[in-house]
Amino acid sequence: MRGQNPLRAYWRANVRLIATLLAVWFITAYLISIVLAPWLNQFRLGSAPLGFWFAQQGSIYVFILLIWIYARRMDALDRQYDVHE
């Protein structure tokens, strides 16, 4: 084991990443999909109002993207702090 300070830095980076991704998820799932949906509905994406589309489809795409970003970034953090498998 490399000591307490590197592990603390690793967990600090991990928590910071999770907090950032959760903030993006909150903005996407709550603010854009619910609060801003009536305003976004004045625009259309294909035949669907944009607010409706974002609440039904766009937020799912963003969630999948966040999972991908988390996996890639955690892999990089694991290698940086030498805790990878």
N, C-alpha and C. Protein backbone atom coordinates (compact mmCIF):
# COMPACT_ATOMS: atom_id res chain seq x y z
N MET A 1 0.84 -1.18 0.00
CA MET A 1 0.00 0.00 0.00
C MET A 1 0.88 1.24 0.00
N ARG A 2 0.46 2.26 -0.69
CA ARG A 2 1.31 3.42 -0.90
C ARG A 2 1.20 4.47 0.19
N GLY A 3 0.36 4.30 1.17
CA GLY A 3 0.24 5.29 2.24
C GLY A 3 -1.10 5.98 2.23
N GLN A 4 -1.32 6.78 3.23
CA GLN A 4 -2.62 7.41 3.41
C GLN A 4 -2.85 8.57 2.45
N ASN A 5 -1.85 9.41 2.23
CA ASN A 5 -2.05 10.59 1.40
C ASN A 5 -2.44 10.28 -0.03
N PRO A 6 -1.79 9.35 -0.71
CA PRO A 6 -2.23 9.02 -2.07
C PRO A 6 -3.66 8.44 -2.10
N LEU A 7 -4.01 7.65 -1.10
CA LEU A 7 -5.37 7.11 -1.06
C LEU A 7 -6.40 8.20 -0.80
N ARG A 8 -6.04 9.14 0.05
CA ARG A 8 -6.95 10.27 0.28
C ARG A 8 -7.13 11.10 -0.99
N ALA A 9 -6.05 11.32 -1.70
CA ALA A 9 -6.12 12.07 -2.96
C ALA A 9 -6.96 11.31 -3.98
N TYR A 10 -6.80 10.00 -4.01
CA TYR A 10 -7.60 9.17 -4.92
C TYR A 10 -9.08 9.31 -4.62
N TRP A 11 -9.46 9.18 -3.35
CA TRP A 11 -10.87 9.27 -2.98
C TRP A 11 -11.40 10.68 -3.16
N ARG A 12 -10.57 11.67 -2.92
CA ARG A 12 -10.99 13.05 -3.16
C ARG A 12 -11.29 13.26 -4.64
N ALA A 13 -10.43 12.73 -5.51
CA ALA A 13 -10.66 12.84 -6.95
C ALA A 13 -11.91 12.06 -7.35
N ASN A 14 -12.11 10.90 -6.75
CA ASN A 14 -13.29 10.08 -7.03
C ASN A 14 -14.56 10.81 -6.63
N VAL A 15 -14.59 11.37 -5.43
CA VAL A 15 -15.78 12.09 -4.95
C VAL A 15 -16.03 13.34 -5.80
N ARG A 16 -14.98 14.03 -6.18
CA ARG A 16 -15.12 15.22 -7.02
C ARG A 16 -15.73 14.84 -8.37
N LEU A 17 -15.27 13.75 -8.95
CA LEU A 17 -15.83 13.27 -10.22
C LEU A 17 -17.31 12.93 -10.07
N ILE A 18 -17.63 12.18 -9.02
CA ILE A 18 -19.03 11.79 -8.79
C ILE A 18 -19.90 13.03 -8.59
N ALA A 19 -19.43 13.99 -7.80
CA ALA A 19 -20.21 15.21 -7.56
C ALA A 19 -20.45 15.99 -8.85
N THR A 20 -19.43 16.07 -9.68
CA THR A 20 -19.58 16.77 -10.96
C THR A 20 -20.59 16.08 -11.86
N LEU A 21 -20.48 14.76 -11.97
CA LEU A 21 -21.39 14.02 -12.83
C LEU A 21 -22.82 14.05 -12.28
N LEU A 22 -22.97 14.02 -10.95
CA LEU A 22 -24.30 14.13 -10.36
C LEU A 22 -24.91 15.51 -10.61
N ALA A 23 -24.08 16.54 -10.60
CA ALA A 23 -24.57 17.89 -10.91
C ALA A 23 -25.06 17.96 -12.35
N VAL A 24 -24.31 17.39 -13.26
CA VAL A 24 -24.75 17.35 -14.67
C VAL A 24 -26.05 16.57 -14.79
N TRP A 25 -26.13 15.44 -14.09
CA TRP A 25 -27.34 14.62 -14.13
C TRP A 25 -28.53 15.40 -13.57
N PHE A 26 -28.35 16.13 -12.47
CA PHE A 26 -29.42 16.93 -11.88
C PHE A 26 -29.88 18.01 -12.85
N ILE A 27 -28.93 18.71 -13.44
CA ILE A 27 -29.28 19.76 -14.40
C ILE A 27 -30.07 19.18 -15.56
N THR A 28 -29.64 18.03 -16.05
CA THR A 28 -30.31 17.40 -17.18
C THR A 28 -31.68 16.86 -16.80
N ALA A 29 -31.74 16.09 -15.72
CA ALA A 29 -32.97 15.39 -15.37
C ALA A 29 -34.00 16.32 -14.75
N TYR A 30 -33.58 17.30 -14.00
CA TYR A 30 -34.56 18.14 -13.32
C TYR A 30 -34.74 19.49 -14.01
N LEU A 31 -33.67 20.24 -14.15
CA LEU A 31 -33.82 21.59 -14.68
C LEU A 31 -34.25 21.61 -16.14
N ILE A 32 -33.53 20.89 -16.97
CA ILE A 32 -33.85 20.92 -18.40
C ILE A 32 -35.11 20.13 -18.71
N SER A 33 -35.22 18.93 -18.15
CA SER A 33 -36.34 18.06 -18.51
C SER A 33 -37.66 18.45 -17.85
N ILE A 34 -37.62 19.13 -16.72
CA ILE A 34 -38.86 19.47 -16.03
C ILE A 34 -39.09 20.98 -15.99
N VAL A 35 -38.14 21.70 -15.42
CA VAL A 35 -38.33 23.14 -15.22
C VAL A 35 -38.35 23.90 -16.54
N LEU A 36 -37.42 23.59 -17.43
CA LEU A 36 -37.33 24.32 -18.70
C LEU A 36 -38.14 23.68 -19.83
N ALA A 37 -38.81 22.58 -19.56
CA ALA A 37 -39.56 21.88 -20.62
C ALA A 37 -40.60 22.77 -21.29
N PRO A 38 -41.41 23.53 -20.56
CA PRO A 38 -42.39 24.38 -21.25
C PRO A 38 -41.73 25.38 -22.20
N TRP A 39 -40.62 25.97 -21.79
CA TRP A 39 -39.94 26.91 -22.67
C TRP A 39 -39.33 26.19 -23.86
N LEU A 40 -38.73 25.00 -23.64
CA LEU A 40 -38.12 24.24 -24.73
C LEU A 40 -39.15 23.73 -25.72
N ASN A 41 -40.41 23.58 -25.29
CA ASN A 41 -41.45 23.05 -26.18
C ASN A 41 -41.78 23.97 -27.34
N GLN A 42 -41.31 25.20 -27.30
CA GLN A 42 -41.53 26.09 -28.45
C GLN A 42 -40.65 25.69 -29.64
N PHE A 43 -39.64 24.87 -29.38
CA PHE A 43 -38.78 24.36 -30.45
C PHE A 43 -39.16 22.91 -30.71
N ARG A 44 -38.85 22.44 -31.90
CA ARG A 44 -39.20 21.07 -32.26
C ARG A 44 -37.95 20.30 -32.70
N LEU A 45 -37.95 19.02 -32.38
CA LEU A 45 -36.92 18.11 -32.86
C LEU A 45 -37.66 17.05 -33.65
N GLY A 46 -37.61 17.17 -34.94
CA GLY A 46 -38.46 16.32 -35.77
C GLY A 46 -39.90 16.75 -35.58
N SER A 47 -40.75 15.82 -35.19
CA SER A 47 -42.16 16.17 -34.97
C SER A 47 -42.49 16.35 -33.50
N ALA A 48 -41.52 16.16 -32.61
CA ALA A 48 -41.78 16.24 -31.18
C ALA A 48 -41.31 17.59 -30.61
N PRO A 49 -42.04 18.14 -29.67
CA PRO A 49 -41.55 19.34 -28.98
C PRO A 49 -40.24 19.01 -28.24
N LEU A 50 -39.31 19.95 -28.26
CA LEU A 50 -37.97 19.69 -27.72
C LEU A 50 -38.00 19.36 -26.23
N GLY A 51 -38.81 20.03 -25.45
CA GLY A 51 -38.90 19.74 -24.02
C GLY A 51 -39.37 18.32 -23.76
N PHE A 52 -40.38 17.90 -24.51
CA PHE A 52 -40.88 16.53 -24.38
C PHE A 52 -39.82 15.53 -24.81
N TRP A 53 -39.17 15.80 -25.95
CA TRP A 53 -38.15 14.88 -26.44
C TRP A 53 -37.01 14.76 -25.44
N PHE A 54 -36.58 15.90 -24.88
CA PHE A 54 -35.47 15.85 -23.95
C PHE A 54 -35.84 15.09 -22.69
N ALA A 55 -37.05 15.26 -22.20
CA ALA A 55 -37.47 14.54 -21.00
C ALA A 55 -37.58 13.04 -21.27
N GLN A 56 -37.96 12.65 -22.47
CA GLN A 56 -38.16 11.25 -22.77
C GLN A 56 -36.91 10.56 -23.32
N GLN A 57 -36.16 11.24 -24.15
CA GLN A 57 -35.03 10.60 -24.82
C GLN A 57 -33.68 11.23 -24.48
N GLY A 58 -33.62 12.54 -24.51
CA GLY A 58 -32.35 13.24 -24.33
C GLY A 58 -31.72 12.98 -22.99
N SER A 59 -32.53 12.94 -21.94
CA SER A 59 -31.96 12.69 -20.61
C SER A 59 -31.39 11.28 -20.51
N ILE A 60 -31.97 10.33 -21.22
CA ILE A 60 -31.44 8.97 -21.23
C ILE A 60 -30.08 8.94 -21.94
N TYR A 61 -29.98 9.65 -23.06
CA TYR A 61 -28.70 9.72 -23.77
C TYR A 61 -27.63 10.37 -22.89
N VAL A 62 -27.99 11.42 -22.19
CA VAL A 62 -27.03 12.09 -21.30
C VAL A 62 -26.62 11.14 -20.18
N PHE A 63 -27.57 10.39 -19.62
CA PHE A 63 -27.26 9.45 -18.55
C PHE A 63 -26.28 8.37 -19.03
N ILE A 64 -26.50 7.84 -20.22
CA ILE A 64 -25.58 6.84 -20.78
C ILE A 64 -24.20 7.46 -21.01
N LEU A 65 -24.17 8.69 -21.49
CA LEU A 65 -22.90 9.39 -21.68
C LEU A 65 -22.18 9.59 -20.35
N LEU A 66 -22.91 9.92 -19.29
CA LEU A 66 -22.31 10.09 -17.97
C LEU A 66 -21.71 8.78 -17.46
N ILE A 67 -22.38 7.68 -17.70
CA ILE A 67 -21.84 6.37 -17.31
C ILE A 67 -20.53 6.10 -18.05
N TRP A 68 -20.51 6.38 -19.34
CA TRP A 68 -19.31 6.18 -20.14
C TRP A 68 -18.16 7.07 -19.64
N ILE A 69 -18.46 8.35 -19.38
CA ILE A 69 -17.45 9.27 -18.88
C ILE A 69 -16.91 8.79 -17.53
N TYR A 70 -17.82 8.35 -16.64
CA TYR A 70 -17.39 7.87 -15.33
C TYR A 70 -16.46 6.67 -15.47
N ALA A 71 -16.81 5.73 -16.31
CA ALA A 71 -15.99 4.53 -16.48
C ALA A 71 -14.61 4.89 -17.02
N ARG A 72 -14.56 5.75 -18.01
CA ARG A 72 -13.28 6.14 -18.60
C ARG A 72 -12.43 6.92 -17.60
N ARG A 73 -13.05 7.87 -16.91
CA ARG A 73 -12.30 8.70 -15.97
C ARG A 73 -11.82 7.89 -14.76
N MET A 74 -12.65 6.98 -14.27
CA MET A 74 -12.23 6.15 -13.14
C MET A 74 -11.10 5.21 -13.54
N ASP A 75 -11.14 4.72 -14.77
CA ASP A 75 -10.03 3.88 -15.25
C ASP A 75 -8.73 4.68 -15.23
N ALA A 76 -8.81 5.94 -15.68
CA ALA A 76 -7.63 6.80 -15.68
C ALA A 76 -7.17 7.10 -14.25
N LEU A 77 -8.12 7.36 -13.34
CA LEU A 77 -7.75 7.61 -11.95
C LEU A 77 -7.13 6.37 -11.30
N ASP A 78 -7.70 5.20 -11.58
CA ASP A 78 -7.14 3.96 -11.04
C ASP A 78 -5.70 3.77 -11.48
N ARG A 79 -5.42 4.04 -12.72
CA ARG A 79 -4.06 3.89 -13.22
C ARG A 79 -3.14 4.98 -12.65
N GLN A 80 -3.66 6.19 -12.52
CA GLN A 80 -2.86 7.30 -11.99
C GLN A 80 -2.43 7.00 -10.55
N TYR A 81 -3.33 6.45 -9.74
CA TYR A 81 -3.02 6.18 -8.34
C TYR A 81 -2.61 4.73 -8.09
N ASP A 82 -2.40 3.99 -9.15
CA ASP A 82 -1.92 2.61 -9.10
C ASP A 82 -2.81 1.71 -8.24
N VAL A 83 -4.10 1.80 -8.48
CA VAL A 83 -5.06 0.92 -7.79
C VAL A 83 -5.87 0.11 -8.81
N HIS A 84 -5.40 0.09 -10.05
CA HIS A 84 -6.11 -0.65 -11.09
C HIS A 84 -5.91 -2.15 -10.92
N GLU A 85 -6.79 -2.89 -11.55
CA GLU A 85 -6.73 -4.36 -11.42
C GLU A 85 -5.69 -4.94 -12.34
